Amino acid sequence: MKKHLLIYNPWAGHGAAGKKLPQVMAYLEEIQLDVELMETHKAGEATTYVAEADFSKYEGIIAAGGDGTLYEVINGYYANTSAKRIPIGVLPVGTGNAFVRDMNLLKSNWKKALDIIKAKKTRKIDVGSYVMDGETYYFLNILGLGFVADVGVTAKGLKIFGNFSYTLGVLWQMIFLKPFDVTIEIDGQIYNRKNIFIEISNTRYTADFLMAPNAKTDDGLLDITLLNPASRFRLLTSFPKIITGEHIHMDEVETFQAKNIKVSTQPQKILTPDGELLGSTPIDVTCIKEGVEIYWL
């Protein structure tokens, strides 16, 4: 029987993942799920490991860490030249782990995540791709810019507070709130806006926020949330709505679904793909329908 390639980020969850590794390995032995363990120790290693792996040797890949680890794994997956394609499993042992919320899992459910992989049930889901500076990248969860990316910058320095770091980031960045100019092309239709943030979602959740409540991971479409200018008071009093998904009914919020999206901004804005902080506008985004097979009950 072939093994699974376990890509494990021990630094995920502010180092909690590393402390959990002995428990993970013990449970893998208990359920008789054979793995080849590859620990990562710096940014980009997961992408390299997966890109260079011979997929014919493995039954599947397991991305163990947070959403950033999964981001690196999916980019390595698409860089891999193996003729055989294999499914990806997700082991939530990181800080955010927003992706698994769509699987009805929480990061505390890592044993259930391994049970799902052991059961070998899969489904094909969509993949977001984006072109920036002539290079193509991939995401499974979200791609954000503007206020949401600025929050990510702040939250990155506050990871010790777990998912609450994003709430702290929101409150801090509210002080520096400033709209920017954006031109966004949505399936050929061009919109010019003053904007606070854009979130392009494949899944429903961003951290604990129900950013795109109508998003589906297999409909061949990405969900777009635009927040147009609003006062700080309006945003602060409306903040709870983003936790429940009710924000999409606000007058300042526009939502779209699309397969192809182009975004340019003035000034350039940093990007946050799957919670990482990489690159900047302009970008060209496409939904790849059912682009990857995921272990999923």
Protein backbone atom coordinates (compact mmCIF):
# COMPACT_ATOMS: atom_id res chain seq x y z
CA MET A 1 0.00 0.00 0.00
CA LYS A 2 1.35 3.45 -0.92
CA LYS A 3 2.05 6.08 1.69
CA HIS A 4 0.78 9.62 1.91
CA LEU A 5 3.26 12.47 1.69
CA LEU A 6 2.78 14.44 4.92
CA ILE A 7 3.95 18.04 4.58
CA TYR A 8 4.09 19.26 8.18
CA ASN A 9 4.73 22.83 9.30
CA PRO A 10 5.83 22.62 12.96
CA TRP A 11 5.79 26.42 13.25
CA ALA A 12 2.07 26.67 12.47
CA GLY A 13 -0.18 27.86 15.26
CA HIS A 14 2.67 29.85 16.82
CA GLY A 15 4.62 26.60 17.28
CA ALA A 16 1.69 24.60 18.64
CA ALA A 17 1.77 22.32 15.59
CA GLY A 18 5.29 21.16 16.45
CA LYS A 19 4.24 20.24 19.98
CA LYS A 20 1.29 18.31 18.54
CA LEU A 21 3.38 16.27 16.08
CA PRO A 22 4.00 13.29 18.44
CA GLN A 23 0.22 13.02 19.00
CA VAL A 24 -0.39 13.21 15.26
CA MET A 25 2.15 10.48 14.50
CA ALA A 26 0.72 8.28 17.26
CA TYR A 27 -2.80 8.66 15.87
CA LEU A 28 -1.60 7.92 12.34
CA GLU A 29 -0.17 4.66 13.65
CA GLU A 30 -3.39 3.93 15.53
CA ILE A 31 -5.53 4.26 12.39
CA GLN A 32 -2.86 2.58 10.25
CA LEU A 33 -2.36 5.46 7.87
CA ASP A 34 1.20 5.29 6.54
CA VAL A 35 2.96 8.55 5.79
CA GLU A 36 6.30 9.88 4.68
CA LEU A 37 6.95 12.90 6.90
CA MET A 38 8.50 16.05 5.48
CA GLU A 39 8.81 18.88 8.03
CA THR A 40 9.14 22.45 6.78
CA HIS A 41 11.39 24.99 8.44
CA LYS A 42 11.15 28.06 6.24
CA ALA A 43 8.74 29.78 3.89
CA GLY A 44 8.45 28.15 0.48
CA GLU A 45 9.71 24.69 1.49
CA ALA A 46 6.28 23.07 1.25
CA THR A 47 5.96 24.32 -2.33
CA THR A 48 9.38 22.90 -3.19
CA TYR A 49 8.72 19.51 -1.57
CA VAL A 50 5.42 19.04 -3.40
CA ALA A 51 6.69 20.40 -6.72
CA GLU A 52 9.59 17.94 -6.75
CA ALA A 53 7.70 14.88 -5.46
CA ASP A 54 7.05 11.85 -7.68
CA PHE A 55 3.27 11.59 -7.33
CA SER A 56 3.33 7.99 -8.59
CA LYS A 57 4.93 6.99 -5.28
CA TYR A 58 2.11 8.33 -3.12
CA GLU A 59 -1.57 7.77 -2.54
CA GLY A 60 -2.09 11.42 -1.62
CA ILE A 61 -0.61 14.53 -0.01
CA ILE A 62 -1.46 15.87 3.45
CA ALA A 63 -1.01 19.58 4.11
CA ALA A 64 -0.53 19.96 7.88
CA GLY A 65 -0.40 23.50 9.22
CA GLY A 66 -2.53 26.57 8.60
CA ASP A 67 -3.99 28.13 5.48
CA GLY A 68 -0.51 29.33 4.50
CA THR A 69 0.77 25.76 4.42
CA LEU A 70 -2.15 24.74 2.22
CA TYR A 71 -1.37 27.70 -0.06
CA GLU A 72 2.20 26.50 -0.50
CA VAL A 73 1.06 22.92 -1.11
CA ILE A 74 -1.44 23.87 -3.84
CA ASN A 75 1.21 25.97 -5.59
CA GLY A 76 3.66 23.06 -5.43
CA TYR A 77 0.90 20.77 -6.70
CA TYR A 78 0.41 22.86 -9.82
CA ALA A 79 4.17 23.18 -10.36
CA ASN A 80 4.57 19.38 -10.24
CA THR A 81 5.05 17.71 -13.63
CA SER A 82 3.99 14.17 -12.61
CA ALA A 83 1.49 12.68 -15.02
CA LYS A 84 -0.49 11.21 -12.13
CA ARG A 85 -2.68 13.53 -10.07
CA ILE A 86 -3.35 12.61 -6.43
CA PRO A 87 -5.76 13.99 -3.81
CA ILE A 88 -4.82 16.49 -1.11
CA GLY A 89 -5.79 16.09 2.53
CA VAL A 90 -5.92 18.96 5.01
CA LEU A 91 -4.72 18.56 8.60
CA PRO A 92 -5.68 21.72 10.56
CA VAL A 93 -3.00 22.41 13.17
CA GLY A 94 -2.39 26.11 12.44
CA THR A 95 -3.79 29.48 13.47
CA GLY A 96 -6.53 30.31 10.98
CA ASN A 97 -7.48 27.13 9.12
CA ALA A 98 -10.39 28.93 7.49
CA PHE A 99 -10.48 26.47 4.60
CA VAL A 100 -11.62 23.54 6.75
CA ARG A 101 -14.64 25.51 7.94
CA ASP A 102 -16.25 24.67 4.60
CA MET A 103 -15.59 21.00 5.45
CA ASN A 104 -17.50 21.51 8.73
CA LEU A 105 -14.24 21.11 10.63
CA LEU A 106 -12.52 23.27 13.22
CA LYS A 107 -8.78 23.32 13.83
CA SER A 108 -9.39 21.29 16.98
CA ASN A 109 -10.77 18.49 14.78
CA TRP A 110 -7.40 17.26 13.52
CA LYS A 111 -8.23 13.64 14.39
CA LYS A 112 -11.44 13.83 12.36
CA ALA A 113 -9.42 15.34 9.51
CA LEU A 114 -7.17 12.27 9.52
CA ASP A 115 -10.21 9.99 9.71
CA ILE A 116 -11.49 11.66 6.52
CA ILE A 117 -8.21 10.94 4.75
CA LYS A 118 -8.23 7.35 6.01
CA ALA A 119 -11.75 6.88 4.61
CA LYS A 120 -10.44 7.82 1.13
CA LYS A 121 -13.56 9.77 0.22
CA THR A 122 -12.85 12.71 -2.04
CA ARG A 123 -14.50 15.48 -4.00
CA LYS A 124 -13.23 17.82 -6.67
CA ILE A 125 -13.23 21.51 -5.80
CA ASP A 126 -12.46 24.72 -7.64
CA VAL A 127 -9.07 26.41 -7.53
CA GLY A 128 -8.43 30.12 -7.88
CA SER A 129 -5.49 31.16 -10.04
CA TYR A 130 -4.04 34.63 -10.43
CA VAL A 131 -1.41 36.12 -12.68
CA MET A 132 0.87 38.77 -11.23
CA ASP A 133 3.99 40.16 -12.94
CA GLY A 134 3.73 37.40 -15.56
CA GLU A 135 3.78 34.58 -12.97
CA THR A 136 0.81 32.33 -12.12
CA TYR A 137 -0.13 31.45 -8.54
CA TYR A 138 -2.99 29.45 -7.00
CA PHE A 139 -5.26 29.66 -3.96
CA LEU A 140 -7.98 27.50 -2.43
CA ASN A 141 -9.47 29.89 0.08
CA ILE A 142 -9.35 33.64 -0.60
CA LEU A 143 -7.46 36.44 -2.29
CA GLY A 144 -7.88 39.82 -0.64
CA LEU A 145 -6.53 43.33 -0.98
CA GLY A 146 -7.04 46.70 0.63
CA PHE A 147 -8.25 46.81 4.23
CA VAL A 148 -8.37 43.00 4.56
CA ALA A 149 -4.71 42.73 3.54
CA ASP A 150 -3.72 45.59 5.85
CA VAL A 151 -5.47 43.72 8.66
CA GLY A 152 -3.44 40.66 7.70
CA VAL A 153 -0.22 42.64 8.08
CA THR A 154 -1.21 43.65 11.61
CA ALA A 155 -2.58 40.22 12.53
CA LYS A 156 0.66 38.55 11.44
CA GLY A 157 2.44 40.27 14.28
CA LEU A 158 -0.27 39.24 16.73
CA LYS A 159 -0.55 35.52 15.91
CA ILE A 160 -0.04 34.67 19.57
CA PHE A 161 -3.69 35.70 20.00
CA GLY A 162 -4.90 33.10 17.46
CA ASN A 163 -7.94 34.01 15.36
CA PHE A 164 -8.56 36.99 17.69
CA SER A 165 -5.49 38.58 16.09
CA TYR A 166 -7.66 39.39 13.05
CA THR A 167 -10.18 41.21 15.21
CA LEU A 168 -7.37 43.21 16.80
CA GLY A 169 -6.03 43.93 13.32
CA VAL A 170 -9.40 45.26 12.21
CA LEU A 171 -9.60 47.65 15.16
CA TRP A 172 -6.03 48.89 14.66
CA GLN A 173 -6.30 49.39 10.88
CA MET A 174 -9.59 51.24 11.33
CA ILE A 175 -7.48 54.18 12.58
CA PHE A 176 -5.65 54.41 9.23
CA LEU A 177 -8.64 53.72 7.00
CA LYS A 178 -8.37 55.39 3.59
CA PRO A 179 -10.31 54.48 0.40
CA PHE A 180 -8.40 53.86 -2.81
CA ASP A 181 -9.27 53.87 -6.52
CA VAL A 182 -9.97 50.52 -8.15
CA THR A 183 -10.92 49.33 -11.62
CA ILE A 184 -12.31 45.82 -11.58
CA GLU A 185 -13.37 43.82 -14.63
CA ILE A 186 -15.86 41.06 -13.78
CA ASP A 187 -16.49 38.64 -16.64
CA GLY A 188 -15.97 41.47 -19.12
CA GLN A 189 -17.97 44.13 -17.26
CA ILE A 190 -15.82 47.04 -16.02
CA TYR A 191 -16.52 48.85 -12.74
CA ASN A 192 -14.68 51.90 -11.36
CA ARG A 193 -14.96 52.40 -7.63
CA LYS A 194 -13.63 54.12 -4.57
CA ASN A 195 -12.92 51.10 -2.44
CA ILE A 196 -11.95 49.97 1.07
CA PHE A 197 -11.38 46.29 0.32
CA ILE A 198 -11.89 43.56 -2.24
CA GLU A 199 -12.13 39.91 -1.25
CA ILE A 200 -12.22 37.19 -3.91
CA SER A 201 -13.45 34.00 -2.27
CA ASN A 202 -13.53 30.35 -3.23
CA THR A 203 -14.75 29.39 0.25
CA ARG A 204 -17.11 31.04 2.69
CA TYR A 205 -14.79 31.89 5.56
CA THR A 206 -11.88 34.28 6.12
CA ALA A 207 -10.55 33.39 9.60
CA ASP A 208 -13.75 33.41 11.71
CA PHE A 209 -15.51 35.85 9.37
CA LEU A 210 -18.30 34.60 7.11
CA MET A 211 -17.02 36.76 4.27
CA ALA A 212 -18.79 35.04 1.37
CA PRO A 213 -21.84 33.21 2.77
CA ASN A 214 -23.04 32.16 -0.69
CA ALA A 215 -19.72 30.79 -1.94
CA LYS A 216 -19.53 27.19 -3.11
CA THR A 217 -16.26 25.37 -3.70
CA ASP A 218 -17.44 23.49 -6.79
CA ASP A 219 -19.63 25.88 -8.80
CA GLY A 220 -16.92 27.11 -11.16
CA LEU A 221 -17.26 30.66 -9.83
CA LEU A 222 -15.43 32.91 -7.40
CA ASP A 223 -17.40 35.17 -5.06
CA ILE A 224 -16.37 38.84 -4.98
CA THR A 225 -17.06 41.17 -2.06
CA LEU A 226 -16.49 44.90 -2.53
CA LEU A 227 -16.65 47.28 0.42
CA ASN A 228 -17.15 50.83 -0.78
CA PRO A 229 -16.48 53.95 1.36
CA ALA A 230 -18.12 54.12 4.78
CA SER A 231 -17.42 56.06 7.96
CA ARG A 232 -15.34 54.54 10.74
CA PHE A 233 -18.39 54.64 13.01
CA ARG A 234 -20.48 52.81 10.41
CA LEU A 235 -17.82 50.15 9.98
CA LEU A 236 -17.28 49.65 13.71
CA THR A 237 -20.99 49.34 14.45
CA SER A 238 -21.43 46.99 11.48
CA PHE A 239 -18.39 44.84 12.31
CA PRO A 240 -20.44 42.02 13.91
CA LYS A 241 -22.27 41.57 10.61
CA ILE A 242 -19.16 40.13 8.93
CA ILE A 243 -19.07 37.35 11.52
CA THR A 244 -22.59 36.25 10.60
CA GLY A 245 -22.48 37.09 6.87
CA GLU A 246 -25.13 39.81 7.17
CA HIS A 247 -22.67 42.43 5.86
CA ILE A 248 -23.56 41.48 2.29
CA HIS A 249 -26.89 43.28 2.76
CA MET A 250 -25.24 46.62 3.64
CA ASP A 251 -25.62 49.48 1.14
CA GLU A 252 -21.84 49.93 1.07
CA VAL A 253 -21.22 46.29 0.06
CA GLU A 254 -21.46 44.89 -3.46
CA THR A 255 -21.23 41.18 -4.25
CA PHE A 256 -20.63 39.39 -7.55
CA GLN A 257 -19.88 35.92 -8.82
CA ALA A 258 -17.54 35.43 -11.75
CA LYS A 259 -15.11 33.14 -13.52
CA ASN A 260 -12.66 35.83 -14.66
CA ILE A 261 -11.67 38.95 -12.72
CA LYS A 262 -9.10 41.68 -13.39
CA VAL A 263 -8.13 44.19 -10.70
CA SER A 264 -5.99 47.30 -10.90
CA THR A 265 -5.67 49.90 -8.13
CA GLN A 266 -4.20 53.31 -7.47
CA PRO A 267 -1.99 53.11 -5.51
CA GLN A 268 -0.78 49.49 -5.75
CA LYS A 269 -2.18 47.30 -2.96
CA ILE A 270 -0.58 44.33 -1.22
CA LEU A 271 -2.30 40.94 -1.70
CA THR A 272 -3.28 38.36 0.88
CA PRO A 273 -3.75 34.97 -0.82
CA ASP A 274 -4.96 32.39 1.72
CA GLY A 275 -3.78 34.59 4.58
CA GLU A 276 -0.26 35.04 3.22
CA LEU A 277 1.13 38.48 2.31
CA LEU A 278 2.55 38.17 -1.19
CA GLY A 279 2.69 40.48 -4.20
CA SER A 280 0.54 43.40 -5.25
CA THR A 281 -1.93 44.64 -7.84
CA PRO A 282 -2.60 44.55 -10.77
CA ILE A 283 -3.82 40.95 -11.01
CA ASP A 284 -5.75 38.72 -13.39
CA VAL A 285 -7.80 36.06 -11.57
CA THR A 286 -9.50 32.93 -12.95
CA CYS A 287 -11.55 30.14 -11.41
CA ILE A 288 -10.38 26.65 -12.43
CA LYS A 289 -13.49 24.51 -12.08
CA GLU A 290 -12.88 21.32 -10.07
CA GLY A 291 -9.15 21.88 -10.39
CA VAL A 292 -8.07 19.65 -7.51
CA GLU A 293 -9.29 16.55 -5.67
CA ILE A 294 -9.58 16.94 -1.89
CA TYR A 295 -10.22 14.35 0.84
CA TRP A 296 -13.67 15.44 1.99
CA LEU A 297 -16.62 13.65 3.61
